Amino acid sequence: MRYKQQIRQVKSWVDVLTSTDIPIKSVAILINNSPINKLFVYQFNHLNIKTNTLIKQINSQILINKILNNNCNIIIVDKPSYILLQQILPYLQHNVVIVLTQEYWQPDWTWAFNHCHFLCQQDLP
């Protein structure tokens, strides 16, 4: 049952993101849960949207450079990846959407990054 719920949630996030007015250039998926990570990759690749995903063995600076060089304008993050997100945030340009998959409401710390648009579970249909 839990896996079906996760599939629905990933599908809902993809639907929300693809229905925005922002054209998706590429997506960074910073999810530590491998099945969820793979679900996001599959869903976006099925829509011909390039994905950059978290690889535990890779140096964080290499991943940050990859995200920036690929002009990712959507970043999907779970709580264990917040440290990596904190490293990326200062380099991000305007019109970047950051999905905090495990937050019900937008945390207070997000208000310091007004150049980004944060989505949380309250934004799901």
Protein backbone atom coordinates (compact mmCIF):
# COMPACT_ATOMS: atom_id res chain seq x y z
CA MET A 1 0.00 0.00 0.00
CA ARG A 2 2.75 2.47 0.88
CA TYR A 3 4.42 1.98 -2.51
CA LYS A 4 1.15 2.78 -4.32
CA GLN A 5 0.89 5.97 -2.29
CA GLN A 6 4.46 6.92 -3.28
CA ILE A 7 3.68 6.29 -6.95
CA ARG A 8 0.61 8.53 -6.73
CA GLN A 9 2.58 11.26 -5.00
CA VAL A 10 5.38 11.21 -7.61
CA LYS A 11 2.80 11.30 -10.40
CA SER A 12 1.03 14.21 -8.68
CA TRP A 13 4.28 16.18 -8.39
CA VAL A 14 5.08 15.59 -12.06
CA ASP A 15 1.56 16.69 -13.02
CA VAL A 16 1.83 19.86 -10.92
CA LEU A 17 5.25 20.73 -12.31
CA THR A 18 4.34 20.11 -15.93
CA SER A 19 1.18 22.18 -15.60
CA THR A 20 3.03 25.36 -14.56
CA ASP A 21 3.74 28.23 -16.92
CA ILE A 22 7.47 27.71 -16.44
CA PRO A 23 9.02 25.68 -19.27
CA ILE A 24 11.06 22.88 -17.73
CA LYS A 25 14.67 22.94 -18.93
CA SER A 26 15.89 20.08 -16.77
CA VAL A 27 15.19 18.62 -13.36
CA ALA A 28 17.56 17.86 -10.48
CA ILE A 29 16.28 15.01 -8.32
CA LEU A 30 17.93 15.01 -4.91
CA ILE A 31 16.03 12.13 -3.35
CA ASN A 32 17.83 9.58 -1.18
CA ASN A 33 15.12 6.96 -1.48
CA SER A 34 16.18 4.97 -4.55
CA PRO A 35 12.72 3.72 -5.64
CA ILE A 36 11.27 7.24 -5.39
CA ASN A 37 14.27 8.68 -7.20
CA LYS A 38 13.82 6.14 -10.01
CA LEU A 39 10.09 6.91 -10.23
CA PHE A 40 10.80 10.61 -10.73
CA VAL A 41 13.48 9.86 -13.34
CA TYR A 42 11.15 7.51 -15.20
CA GLN A 43 8.25 9.98 -15.19
CA PHE A 44 10.33 12.92 -16.44
CA ASN A 45 12.27 10.87 -18.99
CA HIS A 46 8.95 9.58 -20.32
CA LEU A 47 8.08 13.24 -20.98
CA ASN A 48 11.50 13.81 -22.63
CA ILE A 49 12.65 16.04 -19.78
CA LYS A 50 16.31 15.72 -18.85
CA THR A 51 17.02 14.69 -15.26
CA ASN A 52 20.07 14.99 -13.04
CA THR A 53 19.94 12.65 -10.10
CA LEU A 54 21.68 12.21 -6.78
CA ILE A 55 24.48 9.64 -6.89
CA LYS A 56 25.85 8.90 -3.45
CA GLN A 57 29.35 8.12 -4.70
CA ILE A 58 29.78 11.42 -6.53
CA ASN A 59 31.44 14.47 -4.98
CA SER A 60 28.81 17.06 -4.05
CA GLN A 61 30.67 19.85 -5.89
CA ILE A 62 30.58 17.82 -9.12
CA LEU A 63 26.82 17.34 -8.72
CA ILE A 64 26.30 21.06 -7.99
CA ASN A 65 28.29 21.98 -11.12
CA LYS A 66 26.29 19.47 -13.16
CA ILE A 67 23.00 20.96 -11.91
CA LEU A 68 24.14 24.51 -12.67
CA ASN A 69 25.67 23.66 -16.07
CA ASN A 70 22.51 21.83 -17.16
CA ASN A 71 20.45 24.90 -16.27
CA CYS A 72 18.11 22.96 -13.98
CA ASN A 73 15.10 25.06 -13.16
CA ILE A 74 13.30 22.39 -11.10
CA ILE A 75 14.93 20.82 -8.03
CA ILE A 76 13.13 18.04 -6.16
CA VAL A 77 14.50 17.46 -2.66
CA ASP A 78 13.88 15.24 0.34
CA LYS A 79 14.97 16.15 3.89
CA PRO A 80 18.23 14.14 3.86
CA SER A 81 19.35 16.27 0.87
CA TYR A 82 18.78 19.65 2.54
CA ILE A 83 22.52 20.04 3.22
CA LEU A 84 23.22 19.66 -0.49
CA LEU A 85 20.38 22.06 -1.28
CA GLN A 86 21.93 24.64 1.07
CA GLN A 87 25.15 24.39 -0.95
CA ILE A 88 23.26 24.91 -4.23
CA LEU A 89 20.92 27.76 -3.20
CA PRO A 90 23.46 30.63 -3.38
CA TYR A 91 24.24 29.78 -7.02
CA LEU A 92 20.67 29.51 -8.29
CA GLN A 93 19.18 32.08 -10.63
CA HIS A 94 15.60 33.38 -10.64
CA ASN A 95 12.63 31.23 -11.64
CA VAL A 96 13.86 28.04 -10.02
CA VAL A 97 11.18 25.85 -8.50
CA ILE A 98 12.24 23.79 -5.50
CA VAL A 99 9.97 20.95 -4.40
CA LEU A 100 10.32 19.99 -0.75
CA THR A 101 8.69 16.57 -0.97
CA GLN A 102 8.56 15.84 2.75
CA GLU A 103 7.28 19.22 3.99
CA TYR A 104 3.58 19.80 4.45
CA TRP A 105 3.99 23.59 4.64
CA GLN A 106 6.71 25.93 3.49
CA PRO A 107 9.40 26.10 6.22
CA ASP A 108 10.38 29.51 7.59
CA TRP A 109 13.96 29.22 6.29
CA THR A 110 12.73 29.31 2.68
CA TRP A 111 11.72 32.99 2.97
CA ALA A 112 15.42 33.95 2.91
CA PHE A 113 15.62 32.67 -0.68
CA ASN A 114 13.08 34.87 -2.43
CA HIS A 115 14.69 34.23 -5.82
CA CYS A 116 13.30 30.67 -5.70
CA HIS A 117 9.75 29.37 -5.63
CA PHE A 118 9.18 26.59 -3.10
CA LEU A 119 6.47 23.95 -3.31
CA CYS A 120 5.40 21.62 -0.50
CA GLN A 121 2.77 18.93 -0.04
CA GLN A 122 0.11 21.60 0.48
CA ASP A 123 0.57 22.44 -3.22
CA LEU A 124 -0.48 18.97 -4.35
CA PRO A 125 -4.07 18.52 -5.55
